[in-house]
Protein backbone atom coordinates (compact mmCIF):
# COMPACT_ATOMS: atom_id res chain seq x y z
CA MET A 1 -31.12 102.33 -20.19
CA GLU A 2 -32.59 102.00 -16.70
CA PRO A 3 -32.72 105.22 -14.63
CA THR A 4 -30.14 105.38 -11.83
CA LEU A 5 -29.21 107.81 -9.10
CA THR A 6 -26.38 108.17 -6.62
CA ILE A 7 -26.76 108.82 -2.90
CA ARG A 8 -23.56 109.28 -0.94
CA ASP A 9 -21.35 106.34 -1.93
CA ARG A 10 -24.06 104.10 -3.47
CA ARG A 11 -25.67 103.88 -6.88
CA PHE A 12 -29.35 102.88 -7.15
CA ARG A 13 -31.44 101.66 -10.09
CA LEU A 14 -35.18 102.07 -10.59
CA HIS A 15 -36.97 99.14 -8.96
CA THR A 16 -40.68 100.09 -9.00
CA PRO A 17 -42.20 103.16 -10.70
CA GLU A 18 -44.50 105.45 -8.75
CA ALA A 19 -47.67 104.51 -10.66
CA ALA A 20 -47.19 100.83 -9.80
CA ILE A 21 -46.76 101.74 -6.12
CA HIS A 22 -50.01 103.74 -6.07
CA ALA A 23 -51.94 100.91 -7.74
CA ALA A 24 -50.56 98.33 -5.29
CA ILE A 25 -51.44 100.47 -2.26
CA SER A 26 -54.98 100.94 -3.59
CA LYS A 27 -55.40 97.15 -3.78
CA VAL A 28 -54.19 96.80 -0.18
CA ALA A 29 -56.67 99.50 0.93
CA GLU A 30 -59.55 97.71 -0.82
CA THR A 31 -58.75 94.48 1.01
CA ILE A 32 -58.39 96.19 4.38
CA ASN A 33 -61.69 98.01 3.85
CA ARG A 34 -63.40 94.67 3.19
CA ASP A 35 -61.76 92.98 6.18
CA TYR A 36 -62.55 95.81 8.60
CA ALA A 37 -65.99 96.87 7.32
CA GLU A 38 -67.61 95.93 10.64
CA ALA A 39 -64.69 96.71 12.97
CA GLU A 40 -64.99 99.28 15.73
CA ARG A 41 -62.16 101.85 15.73
CA PRO A 42 -59.37 99.79 14.14
CA LEU A 43 -55.92 101.28 14.66
CA LEU A 44 -53.31 101.75 11.94
CA LEU A 45 -50.01 101.70 13.84
CA VAL A 46 -47.34 103.27 11.66
CA THR A 47 -43.68 102.39 12.14
CA LEU A 48 -41.53 105.48 11.82
CA ASN A 49 -39.70 106.69 9.98
CA GLY A 50 -39.85 104.45 6.92
CA ALA A 51 -43.57 103.66 6.71
CA PHE A 52 -44.96 107.18 6.99
CA VAL A 53 -45.28 107.75 3.22
CA PHE A 54 -46.89 104.34 2.58
CA ALA A 55 -49.16 104.71 5.61
CA GLY A 56 -50.20 108.23 4.63
CA GLU A 57 -51.42 107.10 1.24
CA LEU A 58 -52.99 103.94 2.67
CA PHE A 59 -54.76 105.81 5.50
CA ARG A 60 -56.41 108.28 3.10
CA GLN A 61 -57.99 105.33 1.26
CA LEU A 62 -59.38 103.58 4.34
CA ASP A 63 -63.12 103.76 5.02
CA GLY A 64 -64.78 103.89 8.40
CA PRO A 65 -63.57 104.96 11.81
CA PHE A 66 -59.86 104.13 11.51
CA GLU A 67 -57.46 105.79 13.91
CA VAL A 68 -53.74 106.25 13.36
CA ALA A 69 -50.86 106.14 15.84
CA PHE A 70 -47.10 105.95 15.55
CA VAL A 71 -44.24 103.92 16.95
CA LYS A 72 -40.55 104.35 16.23
CA LEU A 73 -38.35 101.29 16.08
CA SER A 74 -34.96 100.89 14.48
CA SER A 75 -32.91 98.00 13.17
CA TYR A 76 -30.90 99.36 10.24
CA GLY A 77 -28.76 102.16 11.67
CA SER A 78 -26.81 103.77 8.82
CA GLY A 79 -26.07 100.63 6.79
CA VAL A 80 -27.85 98.71 4.07
CA THR A 81 -28.41 95.52 6.08
CA SER A 82 -30.42 94.97 9.24
CA SER A 83 -28.37 94.94 12.43
CA GLY A 84 -30.64 92.21 13.79
CA ASN A 85 -31.26 94.25 16.93
CA VAL A 86 -34.56 96.07 17.24
CA THR A 87 -34.85 99.00 19.60
CA VAL A 88 -38.06 100.82 20.52
CA ASP A 89 -37.15 104.49 20.24
CA ILE A 90 -40.68 105.90 20.70
CA PRO A 91 -43.46 103.60 21.99
CA PRO A 92 -47.08 104.11 20.89
CA THR A 93 -48.98 106.56 23.08
CA THR A 94 -52.42 105.16 22.16
CA ASP A 95 -54.12 102.59 24.38
CA ILE A 96 -53.79 99.26 22.55
CA ARG A 97 -55.88 97.15 24.93
CA GLY A 98 -58.83 95.50 23.16
CA ARG A 99 -58.01 97.11 19.80
CA ASP A 100 -57.77 95.64 16.32
CA VAL A 101 -54.34 96.81 15.19
CA ILE A 102 -52.82 96.89 11.73
CA ILE A 103 -49.07 97.41 11.80
CA ALA A 104 -48.02 99.55 8.82
CA GLU A 105 -44.45 98.71 7.79
CA ASP A 106 -42.31 100.04 4.99
CA VAL A 107 -40.45 96.78 4.39
CA VAL A 108 -40.60 93.31 5.92
CA ASP A 109 -37.15 91.87 5.37
CA THR A 110 -35.76 89.82 8.26
CA GLY A 111 -39.01 90.22 10.19
CA ASN A 112 -37.24 91.27 13.37
CA THR A 113 -39.16 94.55 13.65
CA VAL A 114 -42.55 92.95 12.95
CA HIS A 115 -41.96 90.17 15.48
CA GLU A 116 -40.75 92.59 18.17
CA LEU A 117 -43.71 94.90 17.62
CA HIS A 118 -46.18 91.99 17.54
CA ALA A 119 -44.87 90.77 20.91
CA MET A 120 -45.15 94.29 22.35
CA LEU A 121 -48.74 94.72 21.09
CA THR A 122 -49.73 91.28 22.39
CA ALA A 123 -48.36 92.23 25.82
CA CYS A 124 -50.39 95.47 25.65
CA GLY A 125 -53.61 93.47 25.12
CA ALA A 126 -54.37 94.03 21.43
CA ARG A 127 -57.47 92.08 20.35
CA SER A 128 -56.02 91.32 16.92
CA ILE A 129 -52.81 92.20 15.10
CA ARG A 130 -52.28 92.20 11.35
CA VAL A 131 -49.40 93.45 9.25
CA ALA A 132 -49.56 95.67 6.16
CA THR A 133 -46.35 96.38 4.28
CA LEU A 134 -45.34 98.32 1.23
CA LEU A 135 -42.60 95.82 0.46
CA LEU A 136 -42.10 92.18 1.43
CA LYS A 137 -38.84 90.35 0.77
CA PRO A 138 -40.15 86.76 0.94
CA GLU A 139 -36.79 85.12 0.32
CA THR A 140 -35.31 86.61 3.50
CA TYR A 141 -38.48 86.69 5.61
CA TYR A 142 -39.69 83.11 5.13
CA ASN A 143 -36.25 81.46 5.24
CA ARG A 144 -35.07 82.31 8.76
CA PRO A 145 -33.74 79.22 10.56
CA GLU A 146 -34.12 80.98 13.92
CA ARG A 147 -37.82 81.59 13.15
CA PRO A 148 -39.41 78.49 11.59
CA ASP A 149 -42.95 79.88 12.04
CA PRO A 150 -42.94 83.51 10.87
CA LEU A 151 -45.93 85.72 11.51
CA PRO A 152 -48.28 86.15 8.56
CA VAL A 153 -47.88 89.33 6.55
CA ASP A 154 -51.53 89.98 5.84
CA TYR A 155 -51.44 92.87 3.38
CA VAL A 156 -48.55 93.10 0.91
CA ALA A 157 -48.42 95.86 -1.68
CA LEU A 158 -45.23 94.71 -3.43
CA GLU A 159 -42.65 91.94 -3.23
CA SER A 160 -38.93 92.23 -3.89
CA GLU A 161 -35.80 90.18 -4.16
CA PRO A 162 -33.46 90.58 -1.15
CA VAL A 163 -31.83 93.85 -2.20
CA PHE A 164 -31.61 97.15 -0.33
CA ILE A 165 -34.40 99.52 -1.44
CA ILE A 166 -34.88 103.26 -0.96
CA GLY A 167 -37.65 105.69 -1.81
CA TYR A 168 -41.26 106.14 -0.82
CA GLY A 169 -40.25 106.66 2.81
CA MET A 170 -37.29 104.27 2.92
CA ASP A 171 -33.83 105.76 3.18
CA TYR A 172 -30.13 105.20 2.88
CA ASP A 173 -28.34 106.99 5.71
CA GLY A 174 -31.24 109.46 6.05
CA LEU A 175 -31.55 110.26 2.34
CA GLY A 176 -33.94 109.12 -0.38
CA ARG A 177 -37.18 109.01 1.63
CA ASN A 178 -38.71 111.69 -0.61
CA LEU A 179 -38.33 109.70 -3.84
CA GLY A 180 -41.70 108.82 -5.37
CA ALA A 181 -40.47 105.54 -6.87
CA LEU A 182 -38.50 102.67 -5.34
CA TYR A 183 -34.81 102.25 -6.15
CA ALA A 184 -32.58 99.23 -5.51
CA VAL A 185 -28.89 99.47 -4.67
CA CYS A 186 -26.73 98.45 -7.64
CA ASP A 187 -23.54 97.41 -5.92
CA GLU A 188 -24.56 94.57 -3.60
């Protein structure tokens, strides 16, 4: 029987074991290291709170003079579906102008957060912007009628069906971020 756990009013089943997550992040790091071998001070911009665990492991595996900075955006609130509204709670404090930026995301689902952040970084004068995510939900990201030309998601560790996921930095109502594996909600 598949391992499950309960957080508040929801039951979750094991989605991706920890070892598979580590292996997938290592592959992403290898690709980024190749792509940025000649780059000068690339910036890993981590979206808080969800991406901090993914970004921490990824950052430790990056070669060269990478810098890290943080931005806090929100779109989920306390539910299990995106509200569709992205708010910038804490903007990045690092100068973005002329920088090669990699956005580190926990999950790319609707793409609202990535698109909002990409627009903000473009306005700040970033030289290039790429996206790295722990989890991509292609069915929901690439099938948005309001966005026929979605931004590329350059570095994808894992893909998932469109189900709410917790663990490895992602939460349900503030809980579950500390789980080493990924868990999917059972009752959707």
